[in-house]
Protein backbone atom coordinates (compact mmCIF):
# COMPACT_ATOMS: atom_id res chain seq x y z
CA UNK A 1 -59.70 10.19 17.29
CA UNK A 2 -57.92 6.85 17.28
CA UNK A 3 -54.16 6.99 17.07
CA UNK A 4 -52.00 3.93 16.80
CA UNK A 5 -49.34 4.41 19.45
CA UNK A 6 -47.54 1.42 20.93
CA UNK A 7 -49.71 1.27 24.05
CA UNK A 8 -53.05 1.51 22.23
CA UNK A 9 -52.26 -0.27 18.97
CA UNK A 10 -53.93 -3.61 19.61
CA UNK A 11 -56.89 -1.92 21.34
CA UNK A 12 -57.45 0.36 18.33
CA UNK A 13 -57.10 -2.58 15.94
CA UNK A 14 -59.71 -4.59 17.85
CA UNK A 15 -62.08 -1.63 17.92
CA UNK A 16 -61.87 -1.23 14.15
CA UNK A 17 -62.37 -4.95 13.58
CA UNK A 18 -65.45 -4.92 15.82
CA UNK A 19 -66.93 -1.86 14.07
CA UNK A 20 -66.45 -3.45 10.67
CA UNK A 21 -67.95 -6.76 11.81
CA UNK A 22 -70.98 -4.90 13.23
CA UNK A 23 -71.55 -3.11 9.95
CA UNK A 24 -71.25 -6.30 7.93
CA UNK A 25 -73.44 -8.26 10.38
CA UNK A 26 -76.28 -5.79 9.89
CA UNK A 27 -75.89 -5.28 6.13
CA UNK A 28 -78.56 -6.66 3.82
CA UNK A 29 -75.86 -7.08 1.14
CA UNK A 30 -74.13 -9.84 3.13
CA UNK A 31 -75.29 -13.43 2.83
CA UNK A 32 -77.46 -14.40 5.86
CA UNK A 33 -75.18 -17.35 6.68
CA UNK A 34 -72.17 -15.06 6.88
CA UNK A 35 -74.12 -12.49 8.91
CA UNK A 36 -74.96 -15.18 11.48
CA UNK A 37 -71.30 -16.23 11.62
CA UNK A 38 -70.24 -12.62 12.17
CA UNK A 39 -72.80 -12.21 14.96
CA UNK A 40 -71.40 -15.32 16.67
CA UNK A 41 -67.89 -13.83 16.46
CA UNK A 42 -69.11 -10.52 17.90
CA UNK A 43 -70.04 -12.31 21.12
CA UNK A 44 -66.33 -12.65 21.85
CA UNK A 45 -65.80 -8.92 21.29
CA UNK A 46 -68.19 -7.82 24.01
CA UNK A 47 -65.46 -6.19 26.08
CA UNK A 48 -64.10 -4.20 23.10
CA UNK A 49 -65.37 -0.62 23.14
CA UNK A 50 -67.08 0.96 20.15
CA UNK A 51 -65.50 3.48 17.82
CA UNK A 52 -66.87 6.17 15.52
CA UNK A 53 -65.59 4.94 12.18
CA UNK A 54 -65.50 8.40 10.62
CA UNK A 55 -62.93 9.47 13.23
CA UNK A 56 -60.35 6.78 12.48
CA UNK A 57 -57.04 8.31 11.43
CA UNK A 58 -55.87 5.64 8.98
CA UNK A 59 -52.64 7.48 8.12
CA UNK A 60 -51.27 7.10 11.64
CA UNK A 61 -51.18 3.30 11.61
CA UNK A 62 -47.70 1.83 11.52
CA UNK A 63 -46.90 -1.83 11.15
CA UNK A 64 -43.94 -3.85 12.32
CA UNK A 65 -43.28 -7.55 12.78
CA UNK A 66 -45.18 -7.54 16.09
CA UNK A 67 -48.46 -6.28 14.63
CA UNK A 68 -48.11 -7.19 10.95
CA UNK A 69 -50.86 -9.80 11.29
CA UNK A 70 -53.34 -6.89 11.45
CA UNK A 71 -52.16 -5.39 8.15
CA UNK A 72 -54.44 -7.32 5.80
CA UNK A 73 -57.38 -7.28 8.23
CA UNK A 74 -57.25 -3.52 8.67
CA UNK A 75 -56.85 -2.96 4.93
CA UNK A 76 -60.05 -4.95 4.37
CA UNK A 77 -61.73 -2.93 7.15
CA UNK A 78 -60.63 0.28 5.43
CA UNK A 79 -62.15 -0.87 2.14
CA UNK A 80 -65.43 -1.94 3.77
CA UNK A 81 -65.80 1.22 5.84
CA UNK A 82 -65.03 3.48 2.88
CA UNK A 83 -67.27 1.63 0.40
CA UNK A 84 -64.40 0.48 -1.80
CA UNK A 85 -65.54 -3.13 -2.17
CA UNK A 86 -67.89 -3.48 -5.15
CA UNK A 87 -71.28 -5.09 -4.68
CA UNK A 88 -72.08 -8.22 -6.63
CA UNK A 89 -75.54 -8.42 -8.17
CA UNK A 90 -77.16 -11.83 -8.25
CA UNK A 91 -78.13 -11.27 -11.89
CA UNK A 92 -74.64 -10.18 -12.91
CA UNK A 93 -72.44 -12.62 -11.07
CA UNK A 94 -68.70 -12.08 -11.28
CA UNK A 95 -68.32 -15.73 -12.23
CA UNK A 96 -69.02 -16.55 -15.83
CA UNK A 97 -70.21 -19.98 -16.84
CA UNK A 98 -68.01 -21.63 -19.43
């Protein structure tokens, strides 16, 4: 289980970011251009170990001014990993033509 103590905070954050990027990079619901961009970013995360996303203890994360830059990123990761971001159908675009 990942806990977010002071010594492992940035390591845990990077592991979650990598796991989310891997899932999005292999998803058929993501635009191919964005998938390629994610795969290029994953090259730089080669030394970051993998994590089992179902074992992340989201309640234990604490943020302060030193790690607050991860707040939005990890919230997006939480939504992606828990299926909370709605899918957009090509037929029913969220944009409406005026």
